[in-house]
Protein backbone atom coordinates (compact mmCIF):
# COMPACT_ATOMS: atom_id res chain seq x y z
CA UNK A 1 -9.37 8.16 25.53
CA UNK A 2 -7.19 9.42 28.38
CA UNK A 3 -5.17 6.24 27.81
CA UNK A 4 -3.45 8.13 25.02
CA UNK A 5 -1.56 10.04 27.70
CA UNK A 6 0.01 6.87 29.11
CA UNK A 7 0.25 4.70 26.00
CA UNK A 8 1.04 7.01 23.10
CA UNK A 9 2.68 4.22 21.11
CA UNK A 10 -0.44 2.03 21.15
CA UNK A 11 -3.18 4.01 19.34
CA UNK A 12 -4.47 1.01 17.39
CA UNK A 13 -4.98 -1.18 20.43
CA UNK A 14 -6.58 1.67 22.35
CA UNK A 15 -9.06 2.40 19.55
CA UNK A 16 -9.94 -1.30 19.38
CA UNK A 17 -10.59 -1.30 23.13
CA UNK A 18 -12.82 1.77 22.76
CA UNK A 19 -14.60 0.12 19.83
CA UNK A 20 -15.57 -2.77 22.07
CA UNK A 21 -16.43 -0.51 25.00
CA UNK A 22 -18.85 1.58 22.93
CA UNK A 23 -20.30 -1.38 21.03
CA UNK A 24 -18.97 -0.08 17.68
CA UNK A 25 -20.87 3.18 17.97
CA UNK A 26 -19.03 6.45 17.23
CA UNK A 27 -16.76 7.67 20.00
CA UNK A 28 -14.69 10.78 20.64
CA UNK A 29 -10.96 10.87 21.29
CA UNK A 30 -8.73 13.76 22.26
CA UNK A 31 -5.33 14.31 20.67
CA UNK A 32 -3.93 17.11 22.78
CA UNK A 33 -6.21 20.11 22.21
CA UNK A 34 -8.28 18.71 19.34
CA UNK A 35 -10.87 15.98 19.38
CA UNK A 36 -11.79 13.55 16.65
CA UNK A 37 -14.76 11.25 16.19
CA UNK A 38 -14.08 7.63 15.25
CA UNK A 39 -16.58 5.59 13.21
CA UNK A 40 -16.44 2.03 11.91
CA UNK A 41 -19.96 0.69 11.18
CA UNK A 42 -20.56 0.47 7.40
CA UNK A 43 -23.59 2.79 7.53
CA UNK A 44 -21.61 5.38 9.49
CA UNK A 45 -18.62 5.06 7.17
CA UNK A 46 -20.86 5.64 4.17
CA UNK A 47 -22.15 8.88 5.70
CA UNK A 48 -18.57 10.21 5.61
CA UNK A 49 -16.86 8.62 2.61
CA UNK A 50 -20.00 8.47 0.49
CA UNK A 51 -20.60 12.22 0.85
CA UNK A 52 -18.72 14.07 -1.91
CA UNK A 53 -18.81 17.25 0.17
CA UNK A 54 -16.61 15.60 2.82
CA UNK A 55 -13.56 15.82 0.61
CA UNK A 56 -10.84 17.23 2.81
CA UNK A 57 -8.51 14.87 4.65
CA UNK A 58 -7.71 15.22 8.35
CA UNK A 59 -4.84 17.16 9.87
CA UNK A 60 -2.63 14.07 10.30
CA UNK A 61 -2.00 13.98 6.54
CA UNK A 62 0.05 17.17 6.84
CA UNK A 63 2.98 15.02 8.02
CA UNK A 64 3.32 13.57 4.53
CA UNK A 65 3.60 16.87 2.68
CA UNK A 66 7.38 17.01 3.04
CA UNK A 67 7.64 14.55 0.14
CA UNK A 68 4.15 14.36 -1.37
CA UNK A 69 3.52 18.12 -1.38
CA UNK A 70 0.08 18.85 -2.75
CA UNK A 71 -0.30 15.52 -4.55
CA UNK A 72 -3.61 13.69 -4.78
CA UNK A 73 -3.03 11.86 -1.47
CA UNK A 74 -2.55 15.04 0.58
CA UNK A 75 -4.36 17.70 -1.46
CA UNK A 76 -6.80 19.89 0.48
CA UNK A 77 -8.23 21.79 -2.49
CA UNK A 78 -11.01 20.07 -4.41
CA UNK A 79 -10.35 21.82 -7.72
CA UNK A 80 -6.64 21.04 -7.65
CA UNK A 81 -7.27 17.44 -6.62
CA UNK A 82 -9.91 16.86 -9.31
CA UNK A 83 -7.65 18.35 -12.00
CA UNK A 84 -4.66 16.20 -10.96
CA UNK A 85 -6.75 13.05 -10.62
CA UNK A 86 -8.19 13.59 -14.10
CA UNK A 87 -4.70 14.02 -15.56
CA UNK A 88 -3.35 10.94 -13.77
CA UNK A 89 -6.19 8.51 -14.45
CA UNK A 90 -5.05 7.57 -17.99
CA UNK A 91 -1.67 6.50 -16.56
CA UNK A 92 -3.47 3.72 -14.65
CA UNK A 93 -5.38 2.44 -17.66
CA UNK A 94 -5.54 -1.31 -18.14
CA UNK A 95 -3.26 -1.25 -21.20
CA UNK A 96 -0.60 0.70 -19.29
CA UNK A 97 -0.67 -1.69 -16.33
CA UNK A 98 -0.38 -4.66 -18.67
CA UNK A 99 2.93 -3.25 -19.87
CA UNK A 100 4.35 -3.43 -16.35
CA UNK A 101 3.95 -7.20 -15.94
CA UNK A 102 7.48 -7.87 -17.15
CA UNK A 103 8.91 -5.47 -14.56
CA UNK A 104 6.83 -7.06 -11.80
CA UNK A 105 8.19 -10.50 -12.65
CA UNK A 106 11.80 -9.40 -13.13
CA UNK A 107 11.96 -7.76 -9.71
CA UNK A 108 10.08 -10.63 -8.04
CA UNK A 109 12.55 -13.07 -9.60
CA UNK A 110 15.50 -11.10 -8.19
CA UNK A 111 13.82 -11.38 -4.79
CA UNK A 112 13.25 -15.13 -5.20
CA UNK A 113 16.87 -15.67 -6.31
CA UNK A 114 18.14 -13.77 -3.26
CA UNK A 115 15.96 -15.81 -0.89
CA UNK A 116 17.11 -19.08 -2.49
CA UNK A 117 20.76 -18.06 -2.36
CA UNK A 118 20.89 -16.53 1.13
CA UNK A 119 17.92 -17.79 3.16
CA UNK A 120 16.73 -21.17 1.86
CA UNK A 121 15.56 -23.20 4.84
CA UNK A 122 16.17 -20.35 7.27
CA UNK A 123 13.83 -17.98 9.03
CA UNK A 124 13.96 -14.43 7.70
CA UNK A 125 11.99 -11.27 8.40
CA UNK A 126 10.67 -10.87 4.88
CA UNK A 127 9.50 -7.23 5.14
CA UNK A 128 12.90 -5.61 4.42
CA UNK A 129 13.44 -7.90 1.41
CA UNK A 130 9.95 -7.27 0.09
CA UNK A 131 10.41 -3.54 0.67
CA UNK A 132 13.48 -3.39 -1.57
CA UNK A 133 11.64 -5.39 -4.25
CA UNK A 134 8.64 -3.07 -4.26
CA UNK A 135 10.92 0.00 -4.21
CA UNK A 136 12.79 -1.21 -7.30
CA UNK A 137 9.48 -2.02 -8.98
CA UNK A 138 7.80 1.30 -8.25
CA UNK A 139 10.85 3.33 -9.28
CA UNK A 140 10.95 1.55 -12.64
CA UNK A 141 7.23 1.84 -13.26
CA UNK A 142 6.78 5.35 -11.83
CA UNK A 143 9.95 7.09 -13.03
CA UNK A 144 11.48 4.69 -15.53
CA UNK A 145 14.59 4.59 -13.33
CA UNK A 146 16.28 1.46 -11.98
CA UNK A 147 17.73 2.12 -8.51
CA UNK A 148 18.69 -1.56 -8.07
CA UNK A 149 17.99 -1.46 -4.33
CA UNK A 150 17.73 -5.26 -4.11
CA UNK A 151 21.38 -5.57 -5.09
CA UNK A 152 22.64 -2.78 -2.86
CA UNK A 153 22.16 0.02 -5.37
CA UNK A 154 20.26 3.27 -5.14
CA UNK A 155 22.80 4.97 -2.90
CA UNK A 156 21.62 8.16 -1.25
CA UNK A 157 18.12 8.00 -2.74
CA UNK A 158 17.30 4.68 -1.04
CA UNK A 159 18.93 5.66 2.27
CA UNK A 160 17.34 9.11 2.37
CA UNK A 161 13.89 7.76 1.50
CA UNK A 162 14.21 5.18 4.28
CA UNK A 163 15.24 7.95 6.69
CA UNK A 164 12.16 10.04 5.91
CA UNK A 165 9.82 7.05 6.15
CA UNK A 166 11.32 6.04 9.50
CA UNK A 167 10.81 9.54 10.89
CA UNK A 168 7.23 9.51 9.62
CA UNK A 169 6.75 6.25 11.50
CA UNK A 170 8.04 7.86 14.69
CA UNK A 171 5.63 10.76 14.26
CA UNK A 172 2.71 8.38 13.73
CA UNK A 173 3.62 6.26 16.78
CA UNK A 174 4.24 9.27 19.05
CA UNK A 175 1.33 11.56 18.35
CA UNK A 176 2.87 14.60 20.02
CA UNK A 177 5.50 14.65 17.25
CA UNK A 178 2.72 15.37 14.76
CA UNK A 179 2.47 18.87 16.25
CA UNK A 180 4.81 21.00 14.09
CA UNK A 181 6.30 23.18 16.82
CA UNK A 182 7.11 20.14 18.99
CA UNK A 183 8.65 18.27 16.06
CA UNK A 184 10.73 21.37 15.23
CA UNK A 185 12.37 21.16 18.67
CA UNK A 186 13.71 17.66 18.04
CA UNK A 187 16.92 16.58 16.32
CA UNK A 188 14.78 14.53 13.93
CA UNK A 189 13.53 17.69 12.22
CA UNK A 190 16.88 18.65 10.68
CA UNK A 191 17.66 15.03 9.76
CA UNK A 192 14.25 14.75 8.12
CA UNK A 193 14.58 18.00 6.18
CA UNK A 194 18.02 17.17 4.79
CA UNK A 195 16.93 13.69 3.69
CA UNK A 196 13.65 14.94 2.17
CA UNK A 197 15.48 17.66 0.22
CA UNK A 198 17.85 15.09 -1.28
CA UNK A 199 15.01 12.73 -2.25
CA UNK A 200 13.14 15.55 -3.97
CA UNK A 201 16.34 16.69 -5.67
CA UNK A 202 16.80 13.22 -7.16
CA UNK A 203 13.22 13.24 -8.42
CA UNK A 204 13.63 16.72 -9.91
CA UNK A 205 16.67 15.56 -11.89
CA UNK A 206 14.74 12.61 -13.28
CA UNK A 207 11.88 14.92 -14.33
CA UNK A 208 14.28 17.31 -16.06
CA UNK A 209 15.93 14.48 -17.98
CA UNK A 210 12.54 13.08 -18.98
CA UNK A 211 11.38 16.51 -20.19
CA UNK A 212 14.50 16.87 -22.32
CA UNK A 213 14.06 13.41 -23.81
CA UNK A 214 10.38 14.05 -24.54
CA UNK A 215 11.29 17.27 -26.33
CA UNK A 216 13.88 15.45 -28.42
CA UNK A 217 11.42 12.67 -29.26
CA UNK A 218 8.79 15.18 -30.39
CA UNK A 219 11.32 16.64 -32.80
CA UNK A 220 11.69 13.16 -34.30
CA UNK A 221 8.00 12.23 -34.40
CA UNK A 222 8.10 11.50 -38.11
CA UNK A 223 10.53 8.62 -37.51
CA UNK A 224 8.20 6.79 -35.14
CA UNK A 225 4.83 7.78 -36.55
CA UNK A 226 4.13 4.24 -37.77
CA UNK A 227 4.44 2.76 -34.25
CA UNK A 228 1.37 1.37 -32.56
CA UNK A 229 0.33 3.94 -29.93
CA UNK A 230 -0.92 1.52 -27.27
CA UNK A 231 2.20 -0.66 -27.49
CA UNK A 232 4.37 2.43 -27.11
CA UNK A 233 2.46 3.55 -24.03
CA UNK A 234 2.68 0.13 -22.42
CA UNK A 235 6.46 0.58 -22.24
CA UNK A 236 6.24 4.01 -20.61
CA UNK A 237 6.55 4.82 -16.93
CA UNK A 238 3.86 6.80 -15.11
CA UNK A 239 6.09 9.88 -15.26
CA UNK A 240 6.36 9.68 -19.05
CA UNK A 241 2.59 9.64 -19.33
CA UNK A 242 2.11 12.48 -16.85
CA UNK A 243 4.68 14.60 -18.69
CA UNK A 244 2.39 14.56 -21.70
CA UNK A 245 -0.52 15.77 -19.55
CA UNK A 246 0.86 19.30 -19.15
CA UNK A 247 1.57 19.14 -15.41
CA UNK A 248 4.09 21.58 -13.95
CA UNK A 249 7.39 20.30 -12.57
CA UNK A 250 6.12 20.72 -9.00
CA UNK A 251 2.94 18.80 -9.78
CA UNK A 252 4.97 16.07 -11.44
CA UNK A 253 7.25 15.79 -8.43
CA UNK A 254 4.36 15.70 -5.97
CA UNK A 255 2.46 13.04 -7.89
CA UNK A 256 5.55 10.96 -8.64
CA UNK A 257 6.48 10.87 -4.96
CA UNK A 258 2.86 10.06 -4.08
CA UNK A 259 2.97 7.06 -6.43
CA UNK A 260 6.36 5.89 -5.15
CA UNK A 261 5.54 6.12 -1.45
CA UNK A 262 1.99 4.84 -1.83
CA UNK A 263 3.08 2.00 -4.11
CA UNK A 264 6.08 0.92 -2.06
CA UNK A 265 5.13 1.15 1.60
CA UNK A 266 1.58 -0.19 1.44
CA UNK A 267 2.28 -2.98 -1.04
CA UNK A 268 5.33 -4.28 0.84
CA UNK A 269 3.26 -4.39 4.03
CA UNK A 270 0.41 -6.35 2.43
CA UNK A 271 2.77 -8.77 0.70
CA UNK A 272 4.56 -9.47 3.98
CA UNK A 273 1.28 -10.12 5.79
CA UNK A 274 0.15 -12.38 2.93
CA UNK A 275 3.33 -14.47 3.16
CA UNK A 276 2.88 -14.72 6.93
CA UNK A 277 -0.75 -15.80 6.50
CA UNK A 278 0.22 -18.50 4.01
CA UNK A 279 2.98 -19.72 6.32
CA UNK A 280 0.52 -19.96 9.23
CA UNK A 281 -2.21 -21.67 7.19
CA UNK A 282 -0.72 -24.68 5.35
CA UNK A 283 -4.13 -25.81 4.11
CA UNK A 284 -4.59 -22.46 2.36
CA UNK A 285 -1.03 -22.57 1.04
CA UNK A 286 -1.63 -26.03 -0.39
CA UNK A 287 -4.63 -24.74 -2.35
CA UNK A 288 -2.53 -21.86 -3.69
CA UNK A 289 0.16 -24.33 -4.80
CA UNK A 290 -2.45 -26.50 -6.49
CA UNK A 291 -3.82 -23.49 -8.36
CA UNK A 292 -0.34 -22.36 -9.42
CA UNK A 293 0.57 -25.87 -10.60
CA UNK A 294 -2.63 -26.07 -12.62
CA UNK A 295 -1.87 -22.76 -14.35
CA UNK A 296 1.93 -22.92 -14.72
CA UNK A 297 2.84 -26.59 -14.36
CA UNK A 298 6.46 -27.01 -13.24
CA UNK A 299 7.56 -23.76 -14.87
CA UNK A 300 8.84 -21.25 -12.33
CA UNK A 301 10.96 -19.01 -14.56
CA UNK A 302 8.55 -17.67 -17.17
CA UNK A 303 6.79 -14.36 -16.62
CA UNK A 304 3.05 -14.81 -16.10
CA UNK A 305 0.70 -13.38 -18.68
CA UNK A 306 -2.22 -11.19 -17.73
CA UNK A 307 -4.55 -14.07 -18.56
CA UNK A 308 -2.65 -16.37 -16.20
CA UNK A 309 -2.66 -13.82 -13.37
CA UNK A 310 -6.38 -13.22 -13.82
CA UNK A 311 -7.01 -16.95 -13.62
CA UNK A 312 -5.48 -17.12 -10.11
CA UNK A 313 -8.84 -16.66 -8.40
CA UNK A 314 -7.96 -18.39 -5.14
CA UNK A 315 -4.72 -16.41 -4.77
CA UNK A 316 -6.73 -13.24 -5.28
CA UNK A 317 -9.06 -14.28 -2.46
CA UNK A 318 -6.01 -14.86 -0.25
CA UNK A 319 -4.80 -11.33 -1.00
CA UNK A 320 -8.21 -9.80 -0.31
CA UNK A 321 -8.59 -11.70 2.96
CA UNK A 322 -5.12 -10.55 4.00
CA UNK A 323 -6.14 -6.94 3.34
CA UNK A 324 -9.33 -7.49 5.32
CA UNK A 325 -7.52 -8.59 8.47
CA UNK A 326 -4.46 -6.40 7.99
CA UNK A 327 -5.26 -3.29 5.93
CA UNK A 328 -2.04 -1.38 5.28
CA UNK A 329 -3.82 1.80 6.37
CA UNK A 330 -5.96 0.69 9.33
CA UNK A 331 -7.53 4.13 9.65
CA UNK A 332 -8.09 7.11 7.37
CA UNK A 333 -9.41 10.56 8.20
CA UNK A 334 -11.61 13.35 6.88
CA UNK A 335 -12.12 16.89 8.14
CA UNK A 336 -15.83 17.64 7.84
CA UNK A 337 -16.83 20.54 5.62
CA UNK A 338 -20.48 20.38 6.72
CA UNK A 339 -22.40 18.98 9.68
CA UNK A 340 -23.41 15.34 9.30
CA UNK A 341 -25.68 12.99 11.24
CA UNK A 342 -24.22 9.61 12.14
CA UNK A 343 -26.78 7.45 13.90
CA UNK A 344 -28.16 9.49 16.79
CA UNK A 345 -25.24 11.91 16.76
CA UNK A 346 -24.58 15.15 14.92
CA UNK A 347 -20.93 15.83 14.12
CA UNK A 348 -20.18 19.49 13.40
CA UNK A 349 -18.17 20.87 10.50
CA UNK A 350 -14.47 21.32 11.18
CA UNK A 351 -14.15 18.11 13.18
CA UNK A 352 -11.79 15.34 12.06
CA UNK A 353 -13.51 11.98 11.61
CA UNK A 354 -11.39 8.83 11.78
CA UNK A 355 -12.67 5.90 9.74
CA UNK A 356 -11.42 2.81 11.56
CA UNK A 357 -10.99 0.37 8.67
CA UNK A 358 -9.28 -2.20 10.90
CA UNK A 359 -12.43 -2.71 12.99
CA UNK A 360 -14.86 -2.32 10.08
CA UNK A 361 -13.13 -5.34 8.57
CA UNK A 362 -13.57 -7.30 11.82
CA UNK A 363 -17.22 -6.55 12.53
CA UNK A 364 -19.07 -9.77 13.49
CA UNK A 365 -22.26 -8.34 12.00
CA UNK A 366 -20.59 -8.51 8.58
CA UNK A 367 -17.96 -11.23 8.87
CA UNK A 368 -19.67 -13.73 11.16
CA UNK A 369 -18.96 -14.97 14.69
CA UNK A 370 -15.23 -15.51 14.07
CA UNK A 371 -14.10 -12.40 12.17
CA UNK A 372 -10.50 -12.71 13.40
CA UNK A 373 -9.91 -15.99 11.57
CA UNK A 374 -8.26 -16.12 8.14
CA UNK A 375 -10.69 -17.48 5.53
CA UNK A 376 -10.19 -16.65 1.83
CA UNK A 377 -13.69 -17.96 1.12
CA UNK A 378 -15.00 -14.74 2.63
CA UNK A 379 -14.43 -13.41 -0.88
CA UNK A 380 -16.45 -15.91 -2.86
CA UNK A 381 -18.61 -13.97 -5.30
CA UNK A 382 -21.92 -14.82 -3.64
CA UNK A 383 -20.72 -13.61 -0.24
CA UNK A 384 -19.32 -10.37 -1.68
CA UNK A 385 -22.62 -9.49 -3.34
CA UNK A 386 -24.48 -9.77 -0.03
CA UNK A 387 -22.28 -7.31 1.86
CA UNK A 388 -22.67 -3.61 2.52
CA UNK A 389 -20.56 -1.66 -0.03
CA UNK A 390 -18.72 0.06 2.83
CA UNK A 391 -17.96 -3.11 4.80
CA UNK A 392 -14.66 -3.69 2.97
CA UNK A 393 -12.45 -0.90 1.62
CA UNK A 394 -8.71 -1.56 2.01
CA UNK A 395 -8.04 1.02 -0.72
CA UNK A 396 -10.35 3.59 0.87
CA UNK A 397 -13.71 4.29 -0.78
CA UNK A 398 -15.78 7.05 -2.26
CA UNK A 399 -14.42 10.05 -4.10
CA UNK A 400 -10.83 9.72 -2.85
CA UNK A 401 -10.31 6.00 -3.23
CA UNK A 402 -6.84 4.78 -4.20
CA UNK A 403 -6.02 5.45 -7.84
CA UNK A 404 -3.44 2.64 -7.84
CA UNK A 405 -5.49 -0.27 -6.52
CA UNK A 406 -5.46 -2.25 -9.79
CA UNK A 407 -1.70 -1.74 -10.04
CA UNK A 408 -1.28 -2.98 -6.46
CA UNK A 409 -3.39 -6.10 -6.97
CA UNK A 410 -1.52 -7.03 -10.15
CA UNK A 411 1.84 -6.55 -8.49
CA UNK A 412 0.85 -8.55 -5.40
CA UNK A 413 -0.41 -11.40 -7.57
CA UNK A 414 2.78 -11.36 -9.61
CA UNK A 415 5.13 -11.34 -6.59
CA UNK A 416 3.23 -13.98 -4.62
CA UNK A 417 2.82 -16.29 -7.61
CA UNK A 418 6.54 -15.98 -8.40
CA UNK A 419 7.55 -16.85 -4.83
CA UNK A 420 4.98 -19.60 -4.31
CA UNK A 421 5.85 -21.31 -7.60
CA UNK A 422 9.31 -21.79 -6.14
CA UNK A 423 8.93 -22.05 -2.35
CA UNK A 424 6.96 -23.64 0.45
CA UNK A 425 6.45 -21.38 3.47
CA UNK A 426 6.38 -22.12 7.18
CA UNK A 427 6.26 -19.74 10.16
CA UNK A 428 9.46 -18.54 11.79
CA UNK A 429 10.05 -17.77 15.49
CA UNK A 430 7.39 -15.75 17.26
CA UNK A 431 4.42 -16.86 15.17
CA UNK A 432 2.82 -20.28 15.50
CA UNK A 433 -0.78 -19.24 14.98
CA UNK A 434 -2.66 -16.14 13.89
CA UNK A 435 -3.38 -15.25 17.52
CA UNK A 436 0.37 -14.68 18.02
CA UNK A 437 0.34 -11.70 15.67
CA UNK A 438 0.42 -8.34 17.44
CA UNK A 439 0.03 -5.31 15.22
CA UNK A 440 1.24 -1.75 15.58
CA UNK A 441 0.47 1.32 13.54
CA UNK A 442 3.41 3.22 12.10
CA UNK A 443 3.23 4.72 8.61
CA UNK A 444 1.39 1.52 7.77
CA UNK A 445 0.22 -1.46 9.82
CA UNK A 446 3.08 -3.71 10.94
CA UNK A 447 3.57 -6.94 12.86
CA UNK A 448 5.16 -6.09 16.20
CA UNK A 449 7.31 -9.25 16.08
CA UNK A 450 8.28 -8.84 12.44
CA UNK A 451 7.35 -11.08 9.52
CA UNK A 452 9.45 -14.17 10.19
CA UNK A 453 8.94 -16.80 7.50
CA UNK A 454 10.94 -19.89 6.50
CA UNK A 455 11.28 -20.32 2.72
CA UNK A 456 12.08 -23.83 1.46
CA UNK A 457 12.44 -24.86 -2.17
CA UNK A 458 9.54 -26.98 -3.31
CA UNK A 459 10.47 -30.64 -3.84
CA UNK A 460 14.10 -29.72 -3.05
CA UNK A 461 14.50 -28.35 -6.58
CA UNK A 462 16.56 -25.23 -7.19
CA UNK A 463 15.50 -22.63 -9.71
CA UNK A 464 18.08 -23.97 -12.17
CA UNK A 465 16.14 -27.23 -12.38
CA UNK A 466 12.81 -25.55 -13.00
CA UNK A 467 11.35 -26.18 -16.42
């Protein structure tokens, strides 16, 4: 682990090297004056994530508090977390998510139109484009606000959010910047604080306007009393639903920012990796096209229904296999509240344990002799039933699993189906096979060489000629 002193920007590669060196058994790493224990075997992971007493997240999550505050992603107090999670859960109900399908398709169509207009037949790093699409989508579904980032809108909010996320990435890549007093000595600190304050100010204004509107609507309840409740809720943003839960303004801001950042950064990363995987595996892409053609025919302009999205079983396996090889969060952490035994080792309370999802998902004992290959059939039902429950957990697992995982899967299906109904993909410069992909850990997992993909209209037909 002394390699951290000479290669601070390569923590993922170093942990993978240590995983191989110690034969996937737990190992200890030092980050300055504190040590952490890293685990990745499913049985060892279960000892940590499956224990409800091991609730508290590790110290690294403190970096995210500047925007997420005490939201459910960063909360260190069990009572507060449980209360907030209980209040937020109804906002992620199936009927609510169904109401977002139109937004998913509208924003994905804007993305597809932009690619056709500006990049058809050319190589493009798709991550920035996908990022703007997911930002527009999450702002509409979380706050009910259209920032129009894909068309150059959003102004200060988009720029300031990007500034904060970039600084977070720097702090993740350069571990010494995670130490508050060192970070405070850098010029980044003041830039970060100004940008974060403006992002939170924007969110506060949205909350205040929503509160005022809710108050006005309650005074007019008798006018709308005949409306169907579930249909009304389907058209509401997460913030509208949380306003009715009785949360304070600070809670609302924390949870809204948690949803926005969690829903934008991780989803854009996974979508970009999925497009790259499809570009690199034409046989898989062909099967996706066949499935899409069977469900939608030649239509590439009509929003998919929930039934149609649920019928895209092969595309779902592609998404799951992408998240296996390239989990947006390749590692998560817990600070132990009690001693635990992992294999032959006892890990004392107060120690941070890193759960190395990236290597759990590449364990030959689970995924066979070639775990680094891309194979959507890894997620055939029979194979899934035979696996350890903690062998695959791209959305975390246990008590603090991701509240938005169904939302994320629906959005990814919607975006990918919209793009693949219109385009054929091929790899751009730097990637000719999966072995060419080098990954780095910033806020989320990224491809070191970018996500260069060539989009070409299928059958040389433009969107105007689609049925």
